[in-house]
Amino acid sequence: KKVVISGVKEIKIVELPIPVPFEDWVLVKVHAVPICTEWKAWLVGEHYSGHEAAGEVVAVAKPCEVKVGDRVTVMSGMPCGRCDLCRQGEYIHCQSSSNYGEFVDYKIDGDTHVQYLLKPSRLLAPIPDGVSYEKGSLACCGLGPTMGASDNMNVGPLDVFLEYWTA
């Protein structure tokens, strides 16, 4: 199943087959997905639904960096894995991200408001014991870039920061 933005302020749930893992791509059952910029897409009817998530690895094609049963945070996007930033583990800042659909022979677009998703094992980070799926799902966008941007702008916990956006 997948949540789809079907028009301006409209969503629907569609049925999808469960994807099959291959090579180092693993199958993750999604347990939590935060709402980040999706509300903006919903306001204008853009077909976009999620880019970060947390879940459980339920299938792997071959031994890799994760195993069945691991609780993981799903990194957003499809970073190249080869540039300097990716080699430093700064996947979120990759300047050579690819179209997710180029890598899977399946009608999948990388959206995370789904029941199951495929992702390369290198783009999954373990969720520590005692941390909920909900909190783990915030690790990529909700905490990573936000905290980095706050540090760069010298924004502290008592400062007010306003984002300006127009539709």
N, C-alpha and C. Protein backbone atom coordinates (compact mmCIF):
# COMPACT_ATOMS: atom_id res chain seq x y z
N LYS A 1 0.84 -1.19 0.00
CA LYS A 1 0.00 0.00 0.00
C LYS A 1 0.88 1.24 0.00
N LYS A 2 0.31 2.30 -0.56
CA LYS A 2 1.03 3.57 -0.64
C LYS A 2 0.03 4.72 -0.54
N VAL A 3 0.42 5.76 0.18
CA VAL A 3 -0.37 6.99 0.22
C VAL A 3 0.05 7.83 -0.97
N VAL A 4 -0.92 8.27 -1.76
CA VAL A 4 -0.65 9.05 -2.97
C VAL A 4 -1.39 10.38 -2.88
N ILE A 5 -0.69 11.46 -3.19
CA ILE A 5 -1.35 12.76 -3.32
C ILE A 5 -1.97 12.76 -4.71
N SER A 6 -3.31 12.75 -4.76
CA SER A 6 -4.02 12.57 -6.02
C SER A 6 -4.56 13.86 -6.61
N GLY A 7 -4.42 14.96 -5.91
CA GLY A 7 -4.89 16.24 -6.39
C GLY A 7 -4.68 17.28 -5.30
N VAL A 8 -5.15 18.49 -5.54
CA VAL A 8 -5.01 19.55 -4.56
C VAL A 8 -5.78 19.16 -3.29
N LYS A 9 -5.05 19.03 -2.18
CA LYS A 9 -5.60 18.65 -0.89
C LYS A 9 -6.36 17.33 -0.93
N GLU A 10 -5.89 16.41 -1.77
CA GLU A 10 -6.51 15.09 -1.88
C GLU A 10 -5.46 14.00 -1.77
N ILE A 11 -5.79 12.96 -1.02
CA ILE A 11 -4.91 11.80 -0.95
C ILE A 11 -5.75 10.54 -1.12
N LYS A 12 -5.09 9.46 -1.50
CA LYS A 12 -5.76 8.17 -1.56
C LYS A 12 -4.71 7.09 -1.27
N ILE A 13 -5.19 5.92 -0.95
CA ILE A 13 -4.31 4.77 -0.71
C ILE A 13 -4.45 3.83 -1.90
N VAL A 14 -3.32 3.44 -2.47
CA VAL A 14 -3.32 2.52 -3.60
C VAL A 14 -2.61 1.23 -3.20
N GLU A 15 -3.01 0.14 -3.82
CA GLU A 15 -2.39 -1.16 -3.58
C GLU A 15 -1.19 -1.32 -4.50
N LEU A 16 -0.10 -1.82 -3.96
CA LEU A 16 1.11 -2.11 -4.73
C LEU A 16 1.60 -3.50 -4.36
N PRO A 17 2.24 -4.19 -5.29
CA PRO A 17 2.87 -5.46 -4.91
C PRO A 17 4.05 -5.18 -3.97
N ILE A 18 4.36 -6.15 -3.14
CA ILE A 18 5.51 -6.00 -2.25
C ILE A 18 6.77 -6.16 -3.09
N PRO A 19 7.68 -5.19 -3.05
CA PRO A 19 8.90 -5.28 -3.86
C PRO A 19 9.81 -6.41 -3.39
N VAL A 20 10.65 -6.88 -4.28
CA VAL A 20 11.55 -7.99 -3.98
C VAL A 20 12.98 -7.46 -3.90
N PRO A 21 13.70 -7.77 -2.81
CA PRO A 21 15.08 -7.29 -2.69
C PRO A 21 15.99 -7.92 -3.74
N PHE A 22 17.04 -7.20 -4.10
CA PHE A 22 18.02 -7.70 -5.05
C PHE A 22 19.37 -7.09 -4.70
N GLU A 23 20.43 -7.77 -5.08
CA GLU A 23 21.80 -7.32 -4.78
C GLU A 23 21.86 -6.82 -3.33
N ASP A 24 22.29 -5.57 -3.12
CA ASP A 24 22.35 -5.06 -1.74
C ASP A 24 21.13 -4.22 -1.37
N TRP A 25 20.09 -4.25 -2.20
CA TRP A 25 18.84 -3.57 -1.89
C TRP A 25 18.02 -4.47 -0.97
N VAL A 26 17.54 -3.92 0.13
CA VAL A 26 16.81 -4.71 1.11
C VAL A 26 15.37 -4.21 1.24
N LEU A 27 14.51 -5.10 1.73
CA LEU A 27 13.10 -4.77 1.92
C LEU A 27 12.89 -4.32 3.36
N VAL A 28 12.30 -3.14 3.51
CA VAL A 28 12.02 -2.57 4.83
C VAL A 28 10.52 -2.44 4.99
N LYS A 29 9.99 -2.97 6.10
CA LYS A 29 8.59 -2.73 6.45
C LYS A 29 8.57 -1.42 7.22
N VAL A 30 7.86 -0.44 6.70
CA VAL A 30 7.84 0.90 7.28
C VAL A 30 6.94 0.93 8.52
N HIS A 31 7.48 1.48 9.60
CA HIS A 31 6.72 1.62 10.85
C HIS A 31 6.39 3.07 11.16
N ALA A 32 7.19 4.02 10.69
CA ALA A 32 6.93 5.44 10.98
C ALA A 32 7.49 6.31 9.86
N VAL A 33 6.71 7.31 9.48
CA VAL A 33 7.12 8.29 8.47
C VAL A 33 6.69 9.67 8.95
N PRO A 34 7.64 10.57 9.16
CA PRO A 34 7.24 11.92 9.57
C PRO A 34 6.69 12.70 8.38
N ILE A 35 5.99 13.76 8.67
CA ILE A 35 5.55 14.66 7.61
C ILE A 35 6.52 15.83 7.62
N CYS A 36 7.20 16.03 6.53
CA CYS A 36 8.22 17.07 6.41
C CYS A 36 7.65 18.14 5.47
N THR A 37 8.01 18.06 4.23
CA THR A 37 7.51 19.03 3.25
C THR A 37 6.31 18.49 2.47
N GLU A 38 5.84 17.31 2.83
CA GLU A 38 4.72 16.71 2.11
C GLU A 38 3.46 17.56 2.18
N TRP A 39 3.28 18.28 3.28
CA TRP A 39 2.08 19.11 3.40
C TRP A 39 2.06 20.19 2.32
N LYS A 40 3.25 20.65 1.91
CA LYS A 40 3.31 21.64 0.83
C LYS A 40 2.87 21.00 -0.49
N ALA A 41 3.32 19.76 -0.73
CA ALA A 41 2.91 19.05 -1.94
C ALA A 41 1.40 18.81 -1.93
N TRP A 42 0.85 18.47 -0.76
CA TRP A 42 -0.58 18.22 -0.63
C TRP A 42 -1.38 19.49 -0.94
N LEU A 43 -0.87 20.66 -0.52
CA LEU A 43 -1.58 21.92 -0.77
C LEU A 43 -1.72 22.23 -2.25
N VAL A 44 -0.73 21.84 -3.04
CA VAL A 44 -0.74 22.19 -4.47
C VAL A 44 -0.97 20.99 -5.38
N GLY A 45 -1.11 19.80 -4.80
CA GLY A 45 -1.41 18.61 -5.59
C GLY A 45 -0.23 17.96 -6.27
N GLU A 46 0.99 18.19 -5.77
CA GLU A 46 2.16 17.53 -6.36
C GLU A 46 2.17 16.06 -5.96
N HIS A 47 2.57 15.20 -6.88
CA HIS A 47 2.61 13.76 -6.63
C HIS A 47 3.91 13.40 -5.94
N TYR A 48 3.93 13.56 -4.64
CA TYR A 48 5.12 13.35 -3.84
C TYR A 48 4.67 12.92 -2.46
N SER A 49 5.28 11.88 -1.92
CA SER A 49 4.78 11.40 -0.64
C SER A 49 5.87 10.76 0.21
N GLY A 50 6.66 11.57 0.84
CA GLY A 50 7.63 11.08 1.81
C GLY A 50 9.02 10.86 1.28
N HIS A 51 10.01 11.12 2.13
CA HIS A 51 11.41 10.90 1.74
C HIS A 51 12.25 10.41 2.91
N GLU A 52 11.65 10.21 4.06
CA GLU A 52 12.35 9.70 5.23
C GLU A 52 11.42 8.74 5.95
N ALA A 53 12.00 7.77 6.66
CA ALA A 53 11.18 6.76 7.32
C ALA A 53 12.02 5.97 8.30
N ALA A 54 11.34 5.14 9.08
CA ALA A 54 12.00 4.17 9.95
C ALA A 54 11.20 2.89 9.89
N GLY A 55 11.90 1.78 9.95
CA GLY A 55 11.21 0.51 9.88
C GLY A 55 12.10 -0.66 10.22
N GLU A 56 11.62 -1.84 9.86
CA GLU A 56 12.31 -3.09 10.17
C GLU A 56 12.72 -3.78 8.87
N VAL A 57 13.95 -4.24 8.81
CA VAL A 57 14.41 -5.02 7.66
C VAL A 57 13.69 -6.37 7.71
N VAL A 58 12.95 -6.70 6.64
CA VAL A 58 12.20 -7.96 6.61
C VAL A 58 12.72 -8.95 5.57
N ALA A 59 13.57 -8.49 4.64
CA ALA A 59 14.15 -9.42 3.66
C ALA A 59 15.39 -8.81 3.04
N VAL A 60 16.38 -9.66 2.78
CA VAL A 60 17.60 -9.26 2.07
C VAL A 60 17.85 -10.28 0.97
N ALA A 61 18.48 -9.86 -0.11
CA ALA A 61 18.79 -10.77 -1.21
C ALA A 61 20.06 -11.55 -0.94
N LYS A 62 21.00 -10.91 -0.26
CA LYS A 62 22.28 -11.54 0.06
C LYS A 62 22.84 -10.86 1.31
N PRO A 63 23.80 -11.48 1.98
CA PRO A 63 24.37 -10.84 3.17
C PRO A 63 24.88 -9.43 2.84
N CYS A 64 24.57 -8.48 3.71
CA CYS A 64 24.96 -7.09 3.47
C CYS A 64 25.14 -6.40 4.82
N GLU A 65 25.08 -5.09 4.82
CA GLU A 65 25.35 -4.30 6.03
C GLU A 65 24.25 -4.39 7.08
N VAL A 66 23.09 -4.92 6.71
CA VAL A 66 21.98 -5.08 7.66
C VAL A 66 21.48 -6.52 7.58
N LYS A 67 20.68 -6.90 8.57
CA LYS A 67 20.11 -8.25 8.55
C LYS A 67 18.63 -8.18 8.90
N VAL A 68 17.91 -9.24 8.57
CA VAL A 68 16.49 -9.32 8.87
C VAL A 68 16.30 -9.10 10.37
N GLY A 69 15.34 -8.26 10.70
CA GLY A 69 15.05 -7.94 12.09
C GLY A 69 15.66 -6.64 12.57
N ASP A 70 16.64 -6.10 11.84
CA ASP A 70 17.25 -4.83 12.24
C ASP A 70 16.22 -3.70 12.17
N ARG A 71 16.26 -2.82 13.15
CA ARG A 71 15.45 -1.60 13.15
C ARG A 71 16.31 -0.51 12.55
N VAL A 72 15.80 0.17 11.52
CA VAL A 72 16.63 1.10 10.77
C VAL A 72 15.92 2.41 10.46
N THR A 73 16.74 3.44 10.31
CA THR A 73 16.32 4.72 9.75
C THR A 73 16.64 4.68 8.27
N VAL A 74 15.70 5.12 7.44
CA VAL A 74 15.88 5.12 5.99
C VAL A 74 16.37 6.50 5.57
N MET A 75 17.58 6.56 5.02
CA MET A 75 18.12 7.82 4.52
C MET A 75 17.27 8.30 3.34
N SER A 76 17.13 9.59 3.20
CA SER A 76 16.31 10.12 2.12
C SER A 76 17.06 10.15 0.79
N GLY A 77 16.31 10.14 -0.29
CA GLY A 77 16.88 10.27 -1.63
C GLY A 77 17.64 9.05 -2.10
N MET A 78 18.36 9.25 -3.20
CA MET A 78 19.19 8.20 -3.79
C MET A 78 20.56 8.78 -4.09
N PRO A 79 21.38 9.04 -3.05
CA PRO A 79 22.71 9.60 -3.27
C PRO A 79 23.59 8.65 -4.07
N CYS A 80 24.57 9.21 -4.75
CA CYS A 80 25.40 8.43 -5.69
C CYS A 80 26.31 7.43 -5.01
N GLY A 81 26.78 7.73 -3.81
CA GLY A 81 27.68 6.82 -3.11
C GLY A 81 29.13 6.92 -3.54
N ARG A 82 29.43 7.77 -4.52
CA ARG A 82 30.79 7.86 -5.07
C ARG A 82 31.45 9.22 -4.86
N CYS A 83 30.68 10.27 -4.71
CA CYS A 83 31.28 11.60 -4.58
C CYS A 83 31.96 11.75 -3.22
N ASP A 84 32.73 12.82 -3.05
CA ASP A 84 33.44 13.06 -1.79
C ASP A 84 32.49 13.11 -0.60
N LEU A 85 31.36 13.79 -0.77
CA LEU A 85 30.42 13.90 0.35
C LEU A 85 29.85 12.54 0.73
N CYS A 86 29.50 11.73 -0.26
CA CYS A 86 28.97 10.39 0.03
C CYS A 86 30.03 9.52 0.70
N ARG A 87 31.26 9.59 0.24
CA ARG A 87 32.33 8.78 0.83
C ARG A 87 32.60 9.18 2.28
N GLN A 88 32.23 10.41 2.63
CA GLN A 88 32.37 10.87 4.02
C GLN A 88 31.13 10.53 4.85
N GLY A 89 30.13 9.89 4.20
CA GLY A 89 28.90 9.55 4.90
C GLY A 89 27.88 10.66 4.92
N GLU A 90 28.12 11.72 4.18
CA GLU A 90 27.22 12.87 4.13
C GLU A 90 26.24 12.71 2.96
N TYR A 91 25.51 11.58 2.96
CA TYR A 91 24.62 11.25 1.84
C TYR A 91 23.58 12.33 1.57
N ILE A 92 23.08 12.94 2.62
CA ILE A 92 22.02 13.93 2.46
C ILE A 92 22.48 15.15 1.66
N HIS A 93 23.79 15.36 1.58
CA HIS A 93 24.33 16.50 0.86
C HIS A 93 24.88 16.14 -0.52
N CYS A 94 24.65 14.92 -0.98
CA CYS A 94 25.14 14.48 -2.29
C CYS A 94 24.65 15.44 -3.38
N GLN A 95 25.57 15.84 -4.24
CA GLN A 95 25.21 16.74 -5.33
C GLN A 95 25.01 15.98 -6.63
N SER A 96 25.06 14.65 -6.57
CA SER A 96 24.88 13.83 -7.76
C SER A 96 23.79 12.79 -7.55
N SER A 97 22.78 13.12 -6.80
CA SER A 97 21.70 12.17 -6.54
C SER A 97 21.06 11.73 -7.85
N SER A 98 20.64 10.48 -7.87
CA SER A 98 20.05 9.90 -9.08
C SER A 98 18.54 9.77 -8.93
N ASN A 99 17.91 9.51 -10.04
CA ASN A 99 16.49 9.21 -10.05
C ASN A 99 16.34 7.80 -9.49
N TYR A 100 15.59 7.68 -8.42
CA TYR A 100 15.40 6.40 -7.73
C TYR A 100 14.94 5.31 -8.70
N GLY A 101 14.04 5.66 -9.60
CA GLY A 101 13.48 4.68 -10.52
C GLY A 101 14.48 4.06 -11.48
N GLU A 102 15.65 4.68 -11.66
CA GLU A 102 16.66 4.11 -12.55
C GLU A 102 17.22 2.80 -12.01
N PHE A 103 17.06 2.56 -10.72
CA PHE A 103 17.72 1.43 -10.08
C PHE A 103 16.83 0.23 -9.84
N VAL A 104 15.54 0.40 -9.91
CA VAL A 104 14.66 -0.72 -9.60
C VAL A 104 13.74 -1.02 -10.77
N ASP A 105 13.62 -2.30 -11.06
CA ASP A 105 12.73 -2.75 -12.13
C ASP A 105 11.35 -2.98 -11.52
N TYR A 106 10.79 -1.92 -11.01
CA TYR A 106 9.55 -1.98 -10.26
C TYR A 106 9.01 -0.57 -10.23
N LYS A 107 7.70 -0.44 -10.30
CA LYS A 107 7.12 0.90 -10.31
C LYS A 107 7.18 1.50 -8.91
N ILE A 108 8.35 2.00 -8.58
CA ILE A 108 8.58 2.60 -7.27
C ILE A 108 9.34 3.90 -7.48
N ASP A 109 9.06 4.88 -6.70
CA ASP A 109 9.64 6.19 -6.94
C ASP A 109 10.45 6.72 -5.76
N GLY A 110 10.61 5.93 -4.74
CA GLY A 110 11.38 6.40 -3.59
C GLY A 110 10.54 7.04 -2.51
N ASP A 111 9.25 7.22 -2.75
CA ASP A 111 8.38 7.77 -1.71
C ASP A 111 8.39 6.83 -0.50
N THR A 112 8.21 7.39 0.68
CA THR A 112 8.28 6.57 1.89
C THR A 112 6.94 6.39 2.60
N HIS A 113 5.89 7.02 2.13
CA HIS A 113 4.57 6.77 2.72
C HIS A 113 4.01 5.50 2.10
N VAL A 114 4.70 4.42 2.38
CA VAL A 114 4.38 3.10 1.83
C VAL A 114 4.42 2.07 2.95
N GLN A 115 3.86 0.90 2.67
CA GLN A 115 3.92 -0.18 3.65
C GLN A 115 5.29 -0.86 3.61
N TYR A 116 5.84 -1.04 2.40
CA TYR A 116 7.16 -1.65 2.22
C TYR A 116 7.95 -0.82 1.23
N LEU A 117 9.27 -0.74 1.44
CA LEU A 117 10.12 -0.05 0.47
C LEU A 117 11.44 -0.78 0.30
N LEU A 118 12.07 -0.54 -0.84
CA LEU A 118 13.41 -1.06 -1.14
C LEU A 118 14.41 0.06 -0.98
N LYS A 119 15.58 -0.27 -0.42
CA LYS A 119 16.64 0.72 -0.27
C LYS A 119 17.97 -0.01 -0.21
N PRO A 120 19.03 0.57 -0.79
CA PRO A 120 20.35 -0.04 -0.64
C PRO A 120 20.74 -0.07 0.84
N SER A 121 21.38 -1.15 1.25
CA SER A 121 21.71 -1.31 2.67
C SER A 121 22.59 -0.17 3.19
N ARG A 122 23.41 0.43 2.33
CA ARG A 122 24.29 1.51 2.78
C ARG A 122 23.51 2.76 3.19
N LEU A 123 22.24 2.83 2.80
CA LEU A 123 21.41 3.99 3.12
C LEU A 123 20.45 3.72 4.27
N LEU A 124 20.78 2.71 5.07
CA LEU A 124 20.00 2.39 6.26
C LEU A 124 20.91 2.51 7.47
N ALA A 125 20.45 3.22 8.48
CA ALA A 125 21.23 3.39 9.70
C ALA A 125 20.50 2.72 10.86
N PRO A 126 21.22 2.04 11.73
CA PRO A 126 20.56 1.35 12.84
C PRO A 126 19.90 2.32 13.82
N ILE A 127 18.76 1.91 14.33
CA ILE A 127 18.08 2.68 15.38
C ILE A 127 18.49 2.05 16.71
N PRO A 128 19.08 2.81 17.61
CA PRO A 128 19.52 2.25 18.90
C PRO A 128 18.35 1.70 19.72
N ASP A 129 18.63 0.70 20.54
CA ASP A 129 17.62 0.19 21.47
C ASP A 129 17.13 1.34 22.33
N GLY A 130 15.85 1.34 22.61
CA GLY A 130 15.28 2.38 23.45
C GLY A 130 14.81 3.60 22.67
N VAL A 131 15.13 3.66 21.38
CA VAL A 131 14.67 4.77 20.53
C VAL A 131 13.50 4.24 19.69
N SER A 132 12.38 4.94 19.72
CA SER A 132 11.19 4.50 18.99
C SER A 132 11.37 4.67 17.49
N TYR A 133 10.53 3.98 16.73
CA TYR A 133 10.52 4.17 15.28
C TYR A 133 10.19 5.62 14.94
N GLU A 134 9.26 6.20 15.69
CA GLU A 134 8.86 7.58 15.42
C GLU A 134 10.05 8.53 15.55
N LYS A 135 10.81 8.38 16.62
CA LYS A 135 11.98 9.24 16.81
C LYS A 135 13.07 8.89 15.80
N GLY A 136 13.23 7.62 15.50
CA GLY A 136 14.22 7.19 14.51
C GLY A 136 13.94 7.74 13.13
N SER A 137 12.66 7.93 12.81
CA SER A 137 12.31 8.43 11.48
C SER A 137 12.72 9.89 11.28
N LEU A 138 12.99 10.59 12.36
CA LEU A 138 13.38 12.00 12.28
C LEU A 138 14.89 12.19 12.12
N ALA A 139 15.64 11.12 12.15
CA ALA A 139 17.10 11.22 12.19
C ALA A 139 17.71 11.85 10.94
N CYS A 140 17.11 11.67 9.79
CA CYS A 140 17.73 12.17 8.55
C CYS A 140 17.46 13.65 8.34
N CYS A 141 16.23 13.98 8.01
CA CYS A 141 15.90 15.38 7.70
C CYS A 141 15.54 16.17 8.94
N GLY A 142 14.73 15.59 9.79
CA GLY A 142 14.24 16.31 10.95
C GLY A 142 15.34 16.76 11.89
N LEU A 143 16.37 15.96 12.04
CA LEU A 143 17.44 16.31 12.97
C LEU A 143 18.73 16.67 12.25
N GLY A 144 19.13 15.89 11.27
CA GLY A 144 20.42 16.11 10.61
C GLY A 144 20.60 17.49 10.02
N PRO A 145 19.97 17.78 8.88
CA PRO A 145 20.14 19.09 8.25
C PRO A 145 19.62 20.24 9.11
N THR A 146 18.53 19.99 9.83
CA THR A 146 17.96 21.05 10.66
C THR A 146 18.94 21.48 11.74
N MET A 147 19.55 20.50 12.40
CA MET A 147 20.52 20.83 13.45
C MET A 147 21.76 21.48 12.85
N GLY A 148 22.21 20.99 11.70
CA GLY A 148 23.37 21.59 11.04
C GLY A 148 23.10 23.02 10.62
N ALA A 149 21.92 23.26 10.06
CA ALA A 149 21.56 24.62 9.64
C ALA A 149 21.45 25.54 10.86
N SER A 150 20.87 25.03 11.93
CA SER A 150 20.76 25.84 13.16
C SER A 150 22.13 26.22 13.69
N ASP A 151 23.06 25.26 13.67
CA ASP A 151 24.43 25.56 14.11
C ASP A 151 25.08 26.61 13.22
N ASN A 152 24.93 26.46 11.90
CA ASN A 152 25.54 27.40 10.96
C ASN A 152 24.98 28.81 11.10
N MET A 153 23.72 28.93 11.50
CA MET A 153 23.09 30.25 11.63
C MET A 153 23.13 30.76 13.06
N ASN A 154 23.78 30.01 13.95
CA ASN A 154 23.84 30.37 15.37
C ASN A 154 22.45 30.53 15.98
N VAL A 155 21.53 29.65 15.58
CA VAL A 155 20.18 29.65 16.13
C VAL A 155 20.19 28.76 17.36
N GLY A 156 19.77 29.29 18.49
CA GLY A 156 19.75 28.54 19.74
C GLY A 156 18.35 28.10 20.10
N PRO A 157 18.21 27.36 21.21
CA PRO A 157 16.91 26.81 21.60
C PRO A 157 15.88 27.87 21.97
N LEU A 158 16.29 29.06 22.30
CA LEU A 158 15.34 30.11 22.66
C LEU A 158 15.09 31.11 21.54
N ASP A 159 15.74 30.92 20.39
CA ASP A 159 15.55 31.81 19.25
C ASP A 159 14.30 31.41 18.48
N VAL A 160 13.72 32.38 17.78
CA VAL A 160 12.57 32.13 16.92
C VAL A 160 13.05 32.18 15.48
N PHE A 161 12.67 31.18 14.72
CA PHE A 161 13.08 31.10 13.32
C PHE A 161 11.83 30.89 12.49
N LEU A 162 11.61 31.74 11.50
CA LEU A 162 10.43 31.63 10.65
C LEU A 162 10.85 31.25 9.24
N GLU A 163 10.12 30.31 8.66
CA GLU A 163 10.35 29.93 7.27
C GLU A 163 9.26 30.59 6.43
N TYR A 164 9.67 31.18 5.33
CA TYR A 164 8.70 31.82 4.44
C TYR A 164 8.53 30.94 3.21
N TRP A 165 7.30 30.59 2.89
CA TRP A 165 7.03 29.75 1.73
C TRP A 165 5.73 30.19 1.10
N THR A 166 5.70 30.23 -0.22
CA THR A 166 4.46 30.56 -0.92
C THR A 166 4.13 29.44 -1.89
N ALA A 167 2.87 29.22 -2.09
CA ALA A 167 2.42 28.16 -3.01
C ALA A 167 2.38 28.68 -4.43
